């Protein structure tokens, strides 16, 4: 075996149970998409929302306009590290 050894990185996701009500159609889409991607349904929802909602420029402008936007930015993982 040659080359550099690469370790598996932990997911380190802080998860909390959520009590949402979604339509049967949405559940089916998530279920079959998860099967297609070979991820869990939770991982599909988590990845999809994080990758797509944070691309909504109007949402990000709304966050910037909020009074406590530093707290919001930190919660959604967009806070800038102060040097």
C-alpha atoms as a PDB file:
ATOM      1  CA  UNK A   1       0.000   0.000   0.000  1.00  0.00           C
ATOM      2  CA  UNK A   2       1.534   3.296  -1.012  1.00  0.00           C
ATOM      3  CA  UNK A   3       0.404   6.862  -0.563  1.00  0.00           C
ATOM      4  CA  UNK A   4      -0.916   8.878   2.290  1.00  0.00           C
ATOM      5  CA  UNK A   5      -3.211   7.331   4.876  1.00  0.00           C
ATOM      6  CA  UNK A   6      -6.499   9.220   5.114  1.00  0.00           C
ATOM      7  CA  UNK A   7      -8.688   8.878   8.161  1.00  0.00           C
ATOM      8  CA  UNK A   8     -12.468   8.869   8.066  1.00  0.00           C
ATOM      9  CA  UNK A   9     -13.854  12.152   9.341  1.00  0.00           C
ATOM     10  CA  UNK A  10     -16.723  12.018  11.851  1.00  0.00           C
ATOM     11  CA  UNK A  11     -20.008  13.582  10.804  1.00  0.00           C
ATOM     12  CA  UNK A  12     -20.189  15.654  14.009  1.00  0.00           C
ATOM     13  CA  UNK A  13     -23.800  16.594  13.430  1.00  0.00           C
ATOM     14  CA  UNK A  14     -25.602  17.850  16.480  1.00  0.00           C
ATOM     15  CA  UNK A  15     -29.033  16.394  15.879  1.00  0.00           C
ATOM     16  CA  UNK A  16     -32.292  16.993  17.644  1.00  0.00           C
ATOM     17  CA  UNK A  17     -35.590  15.227  17.098  1.00  0.00           C
ATOM     18  CA  UNK A  18     -38.097  17.344  15.173  1.00  0.00           C
ATOM     19  CA  UNK A  19     -41.854  17.023  15.191  1.00  0.00           C
ATOM     20  CA  UNK A  20     -42.870  18.178  11.707  1.00  0.00           C
ATOM     21  CA  UNK A  21     -45.905  17.220   9.706  1.00  0.00           C
ATOM     22  CA  UNK A  22     -45.238  16.780   5.998  1.00  0.00           C
ATOM     23  CA  UNK A  23     -47.335  15.430   3.181  1.00  0.00           C
ATOM     24  CA  UNK A  24     -47.215  11.787   2.116  1.00  0.00           C
ATOM     25  CA  UNK A  25     -45.920  12.882  -1.287  1.00  0.00           C
ATOM     26  CA  UNK A  26     -42.983  14.730   0.289  1.00  0.00           C
ATOM     27  CA  UNK A  27     -42.208  11.748   2.508  1.00  0.00           C
ATOM     28  CA  UNK A  28     -42.203   9.475  -0.534  1.00  0.00           C
ATOM     29  CA  UNK A  29     -39.894  11.812  -2.451  1.00  0.00           C
ATOM     30  CA  UNK A  30     -37.446  11.943   0.455  1.00  0.00           C
ATOM     31  CA  UNK A  31     -37.664   8.173   1.034  1.00  0.00           C
ATOM     32  CA  UNK A  32     -36.937   7.262  -2.586  1.00  0.00           C
ATOM     33  CA  UNK A  33     -34.307   9.957  -3.030  1.00  0.00           C
ATOM     34  CA  UNK A  34     -32.551   8.629   0.079  1.00  0.00           C
ATOM     35  CA  UNK A  35     -32.683   5.121  -1.336  1.00  0.00           C
ATOM     36  CA  UNK A  36     -31.291   6.386  -4.656  1.00  0.00           C
ATOM     37  CA  UNK A  37     -28.425   8.281  -2.956  1.00  0.00           C
ATOM     38  CA  UNK A  38     -27.816   5.590  -0.333  1.00  0.00           C
ATOM     39  CA  UNK A  39     -28.214   8.088   2.512  1.00  0.00           C
ATOM     40  CA  UNK A  40     -30.693   8.151   5.352  1.00  0.00           C
ATOM     41  CA  UNK A  41     -33.826  10.252   5.008  1.00  0.00           C
ATOM     42  CA  UNK A  42     -32.532  12.531   7.757  1.00  0.00           C
ATOM     43  CA  UNK A  43     -29.267  13.082   5.900  1.00  0.00           C
ATOM     44  CA  UNK A  44     -31.137  13.935   2.696  1.00  0.00           C
ATOM     45  CA  UNK A  45     -33.294  16.559   4.424  1.00  0.00           C
ATOM     46  CA  UNK A  46     -30.321  18.001   6.310  1.00  0.00           C
ATOM     47  CA  UNK A  47     -28.053  18.230   3.260  1.00  0.00           C
ATOM     48  CA  UNK A  48     -30.743  19.534   0.913  1.00  0.00           C
ATOM     49  CA  UNK A  49     -31.871  22.302   3.235  1.00  0.00           C
ATOM     50  CA  UNK A  50     -28.353  23.418   4.122  1.00  0.00           C
ATOM     51  CA  UNK A  51     -27.157  23.446   0.524  1.00  0.00           C
ATOM     52  CA  UNK A  52     -30.182  25.194  -0.952  1.00  0.00           C
ATOM     53  CA  UNK A  53     -31.773  27.522   1.583  1.00  0.00           C
ATOM     54  CA  UNK A  54     -28.489  29.294   2.194  1.00  0.00           C
ATOM     55  CA  UNK A  55     -28.344  30.194  -1.520  1.00  0.00           C
ATOM     56  CA  UNK A  56     -31.532  32.277  -1.222  1.00  0.00           C
ATOM     57  CA  UNK A  57     -30.218  35.843  -1.477  1.00  0.00           C
ATOM     58  CA  UNK A  58     -33.444  37.347  -0.145  1.00  0.00           C
ATOM     59  CA  UNK A  59     -33.289  35.110   2.930  1.00  0.00           C
ATOM     60  CA  UNK A  60     -29.680  36.137   3.567  1.00  0.00           C
ATOM     61  CA  UNK A  61     -30.609  39.819   3.158  1.00  0.00           C
ATOM     62  CA  UNK A  62     -33.448  39.308   5.638  1.00  0.00           C
ATOM     63  CA  UNK A  63     -31.030  37.743   8.130  1.00  0.00           C
ATOM     64  CA  UNK A  64     -28.644  40.695   7.708  1.00  0.00           C
ATOM     65  CA  UNK A  65     -31.496  43.107   8.427  1.00  0.00           C
ATOM     66  CA  UNK A  66     -32.445  41.433  11.706  1.00  0.00           C
ATOM     67  CA  UNK A  67     -31.575  43.105  14.970  1.00  0.00           C
ATOM     68  CA  UNK A  68     -29.746  40.084  16.421  1.00  0.00           C
ATOM     69  CA  UNK A  69     -28.259  38.933  13.143  1.00  0.00           C
ATOM     70  CA  UNK A  70     -24.935  37.828  14.675  1.00  0.00           C
ATOM     71  CA  UNK A  71     -26.788  35.231  16.751  1.00  0.00           C
ATOM     72  CA  UNK A  72     -28.752  34.104  13.679  1.00  0.00           C
ATOM     73  CA  UNK A  73     -25.633  33.947  11.501  1.00  0.00           C
ATOM     74  CA  UNK A  74     -23.881  31.828  14.126  1.00  0.00           C
ATOM     75  CA  UNK A  75     -26.884  29.483  14.395  1.00  0.00           C
ATOM     76  CA  UNK A  76     -27.000  28.906  10.632  1.00  0.00           C
ATOM     77  CA  UNK A  77     -23.226  28.540  10.346  1.00  0.00           C
ATOM     78  CA  UNK A  78     -22.481  31.776   8.528  1.00  0.00           C
ATOM     79  CA  UNK A  79     -20.785  33.785  11.252  1.00  0.00           C
ATOM     80  CA  UNK A  80     -17.399  35.164  10.379  1.00  0.00           C
ATOM     81  CA  UNK A  81     -14.598  34.363  12.764  1.00  0.00           C
ATOM     82  CA  UNK A  82     -13.210  37.469  14.389  1.00  0.00           C
ATOM     83  CA  UNK A  83      -9.441  37.745  14.370  1.00  0.00           C
END
